[in-house]
Amino acid sequence: MLNIMANRVAVFRREHFNAAHRLHNPSLSSEENTRLFGKCNLPNYHGHNYELIVKVTGEIDPKTGYVIDTKTLSDLVNEHIISKFDHRNLNLDLPEFKELNPTAENIVMVIFNILRPLLSEQLSLQLRLYETPRNFVEYPAI
């Protein structure tokens, strides 16, 4: 007989948010910022339709049959991420990016650091953030 309790299962939740940002390093010259970040450094910002995939992995709870209730996961992501990031200027509106360049890499790490403490220690968390349909990052990188 298969022991399903010894197996870990991954549960995924997809959410999206729209946000503006500017890639800029204030310690560099205008020319260096333009060279490094191109159009992403324009002073009036630019926006993305971000897609966030949240992956939670763990053992199935014998009482519920869930790794995590997807409604609970959706509520956590919406309350702590979407409501904070959606229709915001990341550089101006989020204190996390006052000193941190809001690259996709940094955004996904900030989101991870917000969500990780909200989940049981027995659950693993991995995020995939799409900045465009062809450009995405994952954290942690496994």
Protein backbone atom coordinates (compact mmCIF):
# COMPACT_ATOMS: atom_id res chain seq x y z
CA MET A 1 0.00 0.00 0.00
CA LEU A 2 1.25 3.49 -0.87
CA ASN A 3 2.07 5.62 2.18
CA ILE A 4 0.83 9.02 0.96
CA MET A 5 1.71 10.69 4.25
CA ALA A 6 5.43 10.23 3.56
CA ASN A 7 5.10 12.06 0.26
CA ARG A 8 5.37 15.77 -0.15
CA VAL A 9 2.93 17.49 -2.48
CA ALA A 10 3.27 20.94 -4.06
CA VAL A 11 0.30 23.31 -4.12
CA PHE A 12 0.39 26.30 -6.47
CA ARG A 13 -1.49 29.60 -6.41
CA ARG A 14 -1.29 32.14 -9.23
CA GLU A 15 -1.98 35.82 -8.55
CA HIS A 16 -1.21 39.00 -10.42
CA PHE A 17 -0.58 42.64 -9.69
CA ASN A 18 0.24 45.75 -11.68
CA ALA A 19 3.02 48.01 -10.50
CA ALA A 20 5.37 50.70 -11.73
CA HIS A 21 9.05 51.00 -10.97
CA ARG A 22 12.29 52.55 -12.06
CA LEU A 23 15.57 50.70 -12.04
CA HIS A 24 18.09 53.18 -10.73
CA ASN A 25 21.19 53.17 -8.56
CA PRO A 26 21.64 56.62 -6.99
CA SER A 27 25.33 55.99 -6.40
CA LEU A 28 25.93 55.83 -10.17
CA SER A 29 25.99 58.60 -12.76
CA SER A 30 23.05 59.20 -15.10
CA GLU A 31 25.11 57.80 -17.94
CA GLU A 32 25.98 54.64 -16.01
CA ASN A 33 22.32 54.12 -14.98
CA THR A 34 21.21 54.56 -18.58
CA ARG A 35 23.87 52.12 -19.78
CA LEU A 36 22.95 49.50 -17.16
CA PHE A 37 19.17 49.80 -17.14
CA GLY A 38 18.25 51.38 -20.50
CA LYS A 39 14.54 52.21 -20.82
CA CYS A 40 13.95 50.77 -17.35
CA ASN A 41 15.77 53.84 -15.98
CA LEU A 42 13.44 56.46 -17.49
CA PRO A 43 12.75 59.07 -14.79
CA ASN A 44 8.95 58.82 -15.03
CA TYR A 45 8.89 55.08 -14.29
CA HIS A 46 7.32 52.24 -16.28
CA GLY A 47 4.90 49.46 -15.39
CA HIS A 48 4.49 45.71 -15.54
CA ASN A 49 1.65 43.24 -15.21
CA TYR A 50 3.37 40.88 -12.79
CA GLU A 51 2.30 37.26 -12.43
CA LEU A 52 3.17 35.64 -9.13
CA ILE A 53 3.14 31.88 -8.67
CA VAL A 54 3.31 30.76 -5.06
CA LYS A 55 4.41 27.15 -4.52
CA VAL A 56 3.86 25.61 -1.09
CA THR A 57 5.19 22.09 -0.53
CA GLY A 58 4.51 19.81 2.40
CA GLU A 59 2.95 16.62 3.61
CA ILE A 60 -0.78 16.08 3.32
CA ASP A 61 -2.62 16.66 6.58
CA PRO A 62 -4.56 13.43 7.33
CA LYS A 63 -7.36 15.42 8.98
CA THR A 64 -8.06 17.77 6.03
CA GLY A 65 -6.44 16.06 3.05
CA TYR A 66 -4.71 19.38 2.29
CA VAL A 67 -1.10 20.48 2.25
CA ILE A 68 -2.58 23.95 2.69
CA ASP A 69 -6.11 25.16 2.08
CA THR A 70 -5.92 27.07 -1.22
CA LYS A 71 -8.43 29.60 0.10
CA THR A 72 -6.15 30.27 3.08
CA LEU A 73 -3.17 30.61 0.73
CA SER A 74 -5.10 32.96 -1.56
CA ASP A 75 -6.18 35.09 1.40
CA LEU A 76 -2.58 35.36 2.69
CA VAL A 77 -1.23 36.39 -0.72
CA ASN A 78 -4.02 38.89 -1.33
CA GLU A 79 -3.86 40.46 2.12
CA HIS A 80 -0.09 40.71 2.46
CA ILE A 81 1.16 41.01 -1.14
CA ILE A 82 -1.48 42.02 -3.68
CA SER A 83 -3.04 44.72 -1.51
CA LYS A 84 0.43 46.13 -0.86
CA PHE A 85 1.93 45.89 -4.39
CA ASP A 86 -1.00 46.27 -6.78
CA HIS A 87 -1.28 49.62 -8.59
CA ARG A 88 1.69 51.03 -6.69
CA ASN A 89 4.89 52.73 -7.61
CA LEU A 90 7.34 50.36 -5.97
CA ASN A 91 10.06 53.00 -5.65
CA LEU A 92 7.81 55.60 -4.05
CA ASP A 93 5.08 53.65 -2.25
CA LEU A 94 6.83 50.69 -0.65
CA PRO A 95 9.36 51.31 2.13
CA GLU A 96 11.15 48.07 1.21
CA PHE A 97 12.38 49.75 -1.98
CA LYS A 98 13.50 53.10 -0.57
CA GLU A 99 17.09 51.80 -0.58
CA LEU A 100 16.64 48.65 -2.69
CA ASN A 101 16.51 48.70 -6.48
CA PRO A 102 13.14 47.09 -7.42
CA THR A 103 14.47 44.54 -9.88
CA ALA A 104 12.46 41.37 -10.34
CA GLU A 105 15.11 39.59 -8.27
CA ASN A 106 14.70 41.99 -5.36
CA ILE A 107 10.90 42.06 -5.64
CA VAL A 108 10.62 38.27 -5.38
CA MET A 109 12.92 38.22 -2.35
CA VAL A 110 10.87 40.93 -0.62
CA ILE A 111 7.67 38.98 -1.30
CA PHE A 112 9.26 35.79 0.03
CA ASN A 113 10.35 37.55 3.22
CA ILE A 114 6.79 38.78 3.77
CA LEU A 115 5.13 35.40 3.15
CA ARG A 116 7.61 32.99 4.76
CA PRO A 117 6.78 33.90 8.40
CA LEU A 118 3.05 33.51 7.68
CA LEU A 119 3.35 29.81 6.82
CA SER A 120 3.95 26.79 9.02
CA GLU A 121 7.62 25.83 9.39
CA GLN A 122 6.72 22.38 8.00
CA LEU A 123 5.86 23.93 4.65
CA SER A 124 8.39 24.90 2.00
CA LEU A 125 7.84 28.08 0.00
CA GLN A 126 9.07 28.90 -3.48
CA LEU A 127 8.01 31.83 -5.66
CA ARG A 128 8.10 32.48 -9.37
CA LEU A 129 7.58 36.08 -10.45
CA TYR A 130 6.93 36.91 -14.10
CA GLU A 131 7.81 40.48 -15.02
CA THR A 132 6.83 39.75 -18.62
CA PRO A 133 5.58 36.51 -20.21
CA ARG A 134 9.20 35.75 -21.19
CA ASN A 135 11.13 37.08 -18.18
CA PHE A 136 10.76 35.57 -14.75
CA VAL A 137 12.69 34.85 -11.57
CA GLU A 138 12.42 32.18 -8.89
CA TYR A 139 13.27 32.34 -5.22
CA PRO A 140 14.71 30.45 -3.61
CA ALA A 141 16.55 29.05 -6.59
CA ILE A 142 16.60 25.30 -6.25
